């Protein structure tokens, strides 16, 4: 059970999400127009979620300040540039759609537990006619190049701007300004004000679990003589399907730290230094 705060201009914008998450977590609402919307209060939570927030910039960016302390953030849809999606560097531009309820799950990458690979899902109940979901453009101009998209809207192969409705960003990935994210974060464009389908809610829960549950494992990269190799690229893969999970680089002592998820199996590959005699070195069966 985690202590989560959901920030928004109005409680009815996020009431359905509060109800759904309260089954497993302590969930609180923070009115962004009130005096509670400040760094001191938000810092008391394990996870900050943000949806339809127009006050982040005008209130001194309290979510960004908490994020810089290492508190993970889920940025949701907002109007203009008011929310944390802009302040923490996920996107400068997002759109929304009210005439399409489907997204396609395109990437597991150790975040989504169920096997939704390339499956089209319904986001919210067909009886609801009054809401929309948000998306960000995956064009490397308004979103970081190294984001991990999980679900997309307008997923036709010939559509020139695949629109991402859910994505995760790892600590160390570069944000829009070319600066590393100081903590893990995510974008979820699904509506917070109406009941989601089971598939959509499962993805939300998986993203929350991924943000809050992690294990760190340290390894050392050496050459054939046992000399540590600094600034070497190391690639972390899923043992289930070989997917590339993350790219790391060893530090000045040849050490590298893998962030892995509980009950997922991984392996890592490090290539030899230039002119070295080895092809590659693998670390197999990395399990939390």
Protein backbone atom coordinates (compact mmCIF):
# COMPACT_ATOMS: atom_id res chain seq x y z
CA UNK A 1 0.00 0.00 0.00
CA UNK A 2 1.41 3.37 -1.04
CA UNK A 3 0.57 6.91 0.01
CA UNK A 4 -0.47 8.71 -3.18
CA UNK A 5 -1.65 12.25 -3.83
CA UNK A 6 -3.61 13.22 -6.94
CA UNK A 7 -3.44 16.90 -7.84
CA UNK A 8 -6.06 18.68 -9.93
CA UNK A 9 -8.00 21.93 -10.17
CA UNK A 10 -11.20 20.15 -9.12
CA UNK A 11 -11.89 16.92 -7.27
CA UNK A 12 -14.53 15.78 -9.76
CA UNK A 13 -11.79 15.74 -12.43
CA UNK A 14 -10.08 12.87 -10.60
CA UNK A 15 -12.71 11.27 -8.36
CA UNK A 16 -13.01 8.05 -10.37
CA UNK A 17 -9.25 7.47 -10.22
CA UNK A 18 -9.19 8.14 -6.48
CA UNK A 19 -11.97 5.58 -5.97
CA UNK A 20 -10.24 2.94 -8.11
CA UNK A 21 -6.81 3.33 -6.51
CA UNK A 22 -8.16 3.52 -2.96
CA UNK A 23 -8.81 -0.22 -3.03
CA UNK A 24 -5.06 -0.82 -2.73
CA UNK A 25 -3.52 2.48 -1.62
CA UNK A 26 -3.97 5.50 0.61
CA UNK A 27 -5.07 8.13 -1.90
CA UNK A 28 -5.52 11.83 -1.18
CA UNK A 29 -6.78 14.72 -3.29
CA UNK A 30 -4.90 18.01 -3.45
CA UNK A 31 -6.73 21.02 -4.85
CA UNK A 32 -4.14 22.87 -6.95
CA UNK A 33 -5.95 26.16 -6.36
CA UNK A 34 -5.65 25.83 -2.58
CA UNK A 35 -2.87 26.64 -0.11
CA UNK A 36 -2.18 22.89 0.32
CA UNK A 37 -0.65 22.79 -3.14
CA UNK A 38 2.94 23.36 -2.05
CA UNK A 39 6.26 21.55 -1.90
CA UNK A 40 6.08 20.89 1.84
CA UNK A 41 2.75 19.05 1.66
CA UNK A 42 3.39 17.13 -1.54
CA UNK A 43 6.76 15.93 -0.20
CA UNK A 44 4.96 13.76 2.36
CA UNK A 45 3.76 11.36 -0.36
CA UNK A 46 5.42 8.38 -2.06
CA UNK A 47 3.91 9.17 -5.46
CA UNK A 48 2.43 12.30 -7.03
CA UNK A 49 -0.19 12.06 -9.78
CA UNK A 50 -1.30 15.11 -11.73
CA UNK A 51 -4.35 15.65 -13.95
CA UNK A 52 -5.95 18.78 -15.43
CA UNK A 53 -3.75 21.06 -13.38
CA UNK A 54 -3.47 24.69 -14.49
CA UNK A 55 -1.51 25.94 -11.46
CA UNK A 56 1.90 24.24 -11.52
CA UNK A 57 3.72 27.23 -13.01
CA UNK A 58 1.77 29.93 -11.20
CA UNK A 59 2.29 28.21 -7.82
CA UNK A 60 6.08 27.95 -8.21
CA UNK A 61 6.24 24.40 -9.63
CA UNK A 62 5.80 22.42 -6.39
CA UNK A 63 5.53 19.08 -8.24
CA UNK A 64 8.81 19.71 -10.06
CA UNK A 65 10.52 20.56 -6.75
CA UNK A 66 9.27 17.30 -5.20
CA UNK A 67 10.36 15.38 -8.29
CA UNK A 68 13.85 16.85 -7.93
CA UNK A 69 13.91 15.33 -4.44
CA UNK A 70 13.37 11.91 -6.01
CA UNK A 71 9.59 11.51 -5.62
CA UNK A 72 8.18 9.76 -8.72
CA UNK A 73 5.51 11.58 -10.71
CA UNK A 74 2.73 10.45 -13.04
CA UNK A 75 1.84 13.37 -15.30
CA UNK A 76 -1.65 13.26 -16.75
CA UNK A 77 -3.47 15.40 -19.24
CA UNK A 78 -3.77 19.13 -18.77
CA UNK A 79 -4.75 22.27 -20.64
CA UNK A 80 -2.04 24.45 -22.13
CA UNK A 81 1.23 24.32 -20.20
CA UNK A 82 -0.22 24.30 -16.70
CA UNK A 83 0.73 20.88 -15.38
CA UNK A 84 3.74 18.82 -14.42
CA UNK A 85 3.98 17.26 -17.88
CA UNK A 86 5.76 20.46 -18.89
CA UNK A 87 7.54 21.36 -15.65
CA UNK A 88 9.38 18.03 -15.32
CA UNK A 89 10.22 17.91 -19.02
CA UNK A 90 8.04 15.14 -20.49
CA UNK A 91 6.33 17.10 -23.26
CA UNK A 92 5.74 20.62 -24.51
CA UNK A 93 2.65 19.72 -26.45
CA UNK A 94 -0.24 17.33 -26.07
CA UNK A 95 -3.58 16.82 -27.72
CA UNK A 96 -6.78 15.02 -26.83
CA UNK A 97 -9.45 12.98 -28.54
CA UNK A 98 -13.07 12.35 -27.63
CA UNK A 99 -14.09 10.25 -30.64
CA UNK A 100 -11.83 7.23 -30.15
CA UNK A 101 -11.73 4.92 -27.14
CA UNK A 102 -9.04 2.48 -28.24
CA UNK A 103 -5.30 2.33 -27.77
CA UNK A 104 -2.84 -0.38 -28.64
CA UNK A 105 -0.38 -1.86 -26.18
CA UNK A 106 2.90 -1.94 -28.09
CA UNK A 107 5.60 -2.47 -25.48
CA UNK A 108 5.95 -4.52 -22.31
CA UNK A 109 9.56 -3.62 -21.42
CA UNK A 110 9.17 -5.02 -17.87
CA UNK A 111 6.45 -2.53 -16.94
CA UNK A 112 3.22 -4.25 -17.95
CA UNK A 113 2.70 -7.60 -16.26
CA UNK A 114 0.03 -9.14 -18.50
CA UNK A 115 0.81 -10.20 -22.04
CA UNK A 116 -0.91 -7.39 -23.95
CA UNK A 117 1.73 -7.27 -26.68
CA UNK A 118 0.31 -5.49 -29.73
CA UNK A 119 -3.20 -5.87 -28.34
CA UNK A 120 -5.82 -3.22 -28.96
CA UNK A 121 -7.68 -2.30 -25.79
CA UNK A 122 -10.74 -0.25 -24.93
CA UNK A 123 -9.85 2.57 -22.54
CA UNK A 124 -13.21 3.43 -21.02
CA UNK A 125 -16.70 2.05 -20.92
CA UNK A 126 -18.73 2.26 -24.14
CA UNK A 127 -21.63 3.76 -22.18
CA UNK A 128 -19.60 6.92 -21.52
CA UNK A 129 -19.93 9.58 -24.20
CA UNK A 130 -18.59 12.63 -22.39
CA UNK A 131 -14.88 12.24 -21.86
CA UNK A 132 -11.59 12.10 -23.76
CA UNK A 133 -8.05 10.98 -23.32
CA UNK A 134 -4.82 12.87 -23.87
CA UNK A 135 -1.79 11.94 -25.94
CA UNK A 136 1.71 13.25 -26.63
CA UNK A 137 3.42 13.16 -29.99
CA UNK A 138 6.28 10.76 -30.48
CA UNK A 139 8.16 12.94 -32.97
CA UNK A 140 11.36 13.59 -30.96
CA UNK A 141 10.55 17.30 -30.94
CA UNK A 142 7.98 17.53 -28.17
CA UNK A 143 8.96 14.33 -26.33
CA UNK A 144 12.30 12.86 -25.21
CA UNK A 145 13.95 10.50 -27.68
CA UNK A 146 14.49 7.71 -25.16
CA UNK A 147 10.99 7.41 -23.73
CA UNK A 148 9.43 3.94 -23.51
CA UNK A 149 5.93 4.16 -25.03
CA UNK A 150 3.51 1.59 -23.64
CA UNK A 151 0.28 2.38 -25.45
CA UNK A 152 -0.45 4.49 -28.51
CA UNK A 153 -3.48 6.07 -30.16
CA UNK A 154 -3.77 6.50 -33.95
CA UNK A 155 -1.70 3.38 -34.30
CA UNK A 156 -2.25 2.84 -38.03
CA UNK A 157 1.05 2.02 -39.70
CA UNK A 158 0.71 4.86 -42.18
CA UNK A 159 -0.13 7.52 -39.59
CA UNK A 160 2.72 10.02 -39.63
CA UNK A 161 2.59 10.99 -35.94
CA UNK A 162 2.08 8.03 -33.60
CA UNK A 163 0.38 9.50 -30.54
CA UNK A 164 1.47 8.09 -27.18
CA UNK A 165 -1.19 7.76 -24.48
CA UNK A 166 1.01 6.06 -21.89
CA UNK A 167 4.80 6.07 -21.48
CA UNK A 168 7.47 5.64 -18.82
CA UNK A 169 10.75 7.47 -18.35
CA UNK A 170 13.63 6.07 -16.33
CA UNK A 171 15.87 8.02 -14.01
CA UNK A 172 18.80 9.19 -16.11
CA UNK A 173 16.89 9.36 -19.39
CA UNK A 174 17.18 12.77 -21.00
CA UNK A 175 14.22 15.14 -20.79
CA UNK A 176 13.22 17.78 -23.32
CA UNK A 177 16.03 20.08 -22.24
CA UNK A 178 18.64 17.36 -22.61
CA UNK A 179 18.94 17.01 -18.85
CA UNK A 180 18.63 13.64 -17.05
CA UNK A 181 15.41 12.88 -15.23
CA UNK A 182 16.26 12.80 -11.51
CA UNK A 183 13.68 10.09 -10.79
CA UNK A 184 11.44 7.64 -12.61
CA UNK A 185 8.27 9.18 -14.01
CA UNK A 186 5.43 8.41 -16.39
CA UNK A 187 2.74 9.92 -18.59
CA UNK A 188 -0.80 8.51 -18.48
CA UNK A 189 -3.30 10.16 -20.78
CA UNK A 190 -6.30 8.09 -19.72
CA UNK A 191 -9.17 10.02 -18.12
CA UNK A 192 -9.14 10.29 -14.33
CA UNK A 193 -12.76 11.42 -14.04
CA UNK A 194 -14.59 8.31 -15.27
CA UNK A 195 -14.35 4.57 -14.67
CA UNK A 196 -11.73 2.87 -16.83
CA UNK A 197 -12.03 -0.62 -18.27
CA UNK A 198 -10.20 -3.43 -16.49
CA UNK A 199 -7.48 -3.49 -19.16
CA UNK A 200 -6.81 0.24 -18.88
CA UNK A 201 -6.84 0.13 -15.08
CA UNK A 202 -4.42 -2.82 -15.08
CA UNK A 203 -1.97 -0.71 -17.07
CA UNK A 204 -2.34 2.18 -14.62
CA UNK A 205 -1.67 -0.16 -11.71
CA UNK A 206 1.34 -1.69 -13.47
CA UNK A 207 2.85 1.76 -14.05
CA UNK A 208 2.35 2.64 -10.37
CA UNK A 209 3.93 -0.65 -9.29
CA UNK A 210 6.88 -0.06 -11.64
CA UNK A 211 7.45 3.40 -10.18
CA UNK A 212 7.27 2.33 -6.54
CA UNK A 213 8.85 -1.14 -6.50
CA UNK A 214 12.44 -1.48 -7.62
CA UNK A 215 15.62 -3.32 -6.75
CA UNK A 216 19.13 -2.08 -7.48
CA UNK A 217 21.90 -4.54 -8.36
CA UNK A 218 25.53 -3.46 -8.78
CA UNK A 219 27.97 -5.08 -11.22
CA UNK A 220 31.53 -4.30 -12.32
CA UNK A 221 32.78 -4.21 -15.92
CA UNK A 222 36.34 -5.50 -16.41
CA UNK A 223 38.63 -6.35 -19.30
CA UNK A 224 40.41 -9.70 -19.81
CA UNK A 225 43.08 -8.72 -17.26
CA UNK A 226 40.54 -7.81 -14.59
CA UNK A 227 41.04 -4.06 -15.05
CA UNK A 228 37.81 -2.08 -14.46
CA UNK A 229 36.46 -0.40 -17.60
CA UNK A 230 34.94 3.07 -17.09
CA UNK A 231 32.37 4.63 -19.46
CA UNK A 232 31.51 1.29 -21.06
CA UNK A 233 28.01 0.78 -22.48
CA UNK A 234 26.01 -2.03 -20.88
CA UNK A 235 22.67 -3.22 -22.23
CA UNK A 236 20.02 -4.74 -19.95
CA UNK A 237 17.61 -7.18 -21.63
CA UNK A 238 14.55 -9.21 -20.67
CA UNK A 239 15.22 -12.97 -20.57
CA UNK A 240 11.60 -13.60 -21.54
CA UNK A 241 11.80 -12.13 -25.03
CA UNK A 242 15.17 -10.42 -25.40
CA UNK A 243 13.69 -6.90 -25.31
CA UNK A 244 16.18 -4.14 -24.54
CA UNK A 245 15.12 -2.70 -21.19
CA UNK A 246 17.72 -0.01 -20.59
CA UNK A 247 21.17 1.17 -21.64
CA UNK A 248 23.66 1.95 -18.86
CA UNK A 249 27.22 3.22 -18.69
CA UNK A 250 29.82 2.18 -16.14
CA UNK A 251 31.23 4.88 -13.87
CA UNK A 252 34.86 5.85 -13.36
CA UNK A 253 35.42 2.69 -11.29
CA UNK A 254 33.79 0.38 -13.83
CA UNK A 255 30.66 -0.04 -11.68
CA UNK A 256 27.14 -0.09 -13.06
CA UNK A 257 23.83 -0.19 -11.23
CA UNK A 258 20.83 -1.99 -12.74
CA UNK A 259 17.31 -1.01 -11.72
CA UNK A 260 15.18 -4.14 -12.00
CA UNK A 261 11.65 -5.16 -11.21
CA UNK A 262 10.67 -7.88 -8.75
CA UNK A 263 9.98 -11.32 -10.31
CA UNK A 264 11.25 -10.27 -13.76
CA UNK A 265 14.35 -12.01 -15.17
CA UNK A 266 17.09 -10.11 -16.99
CA UNK A 267 20.51 -10.48 -18.56
CA UNK A 268 23.13 -7.84 -19.36
CA UNK A 269 25.65 -7.52 -22.17
CA UNK A 270 28.84 -5.42 -22.09
CA UNK A 271 31.12 -5.18 -25.11
CA UNK A 272 34.88 -5.13 -24.76
CA UNK A 273 36.94 -1.96 -24.98
CA UNK A 274 38.22 -0.88 -28.36
CA UNK A 275 41.03 -3.21 -29.37
CA UNK A 276 40.11 -5.76 -26.72
CA UNK A 277 40.25 -9.51 -27.28
CA UNK A 278 36.74 -10.39 -26.02
CA UNK A 279 33.60 -10.24 -28.12
CA UNK A 280 31.25 -9.48 -25.22
CA UNK A 281 30.61 -10.36 -21.61
CA UNK A 282 27.17 -11.43 -20.43
CA UNK A 283 25.71 -11.49 -16.94
CA UNK A 284 22.82 -13.95 -16.99
CA UNK A 285 19.93 -14.60 -14.61
CA UNK A 286 19.67 -11.18 -12.97
CA UNK A 287 16.71 -11.68 -10.66
CA UNK A 288 15.39 -9.48 -7.85
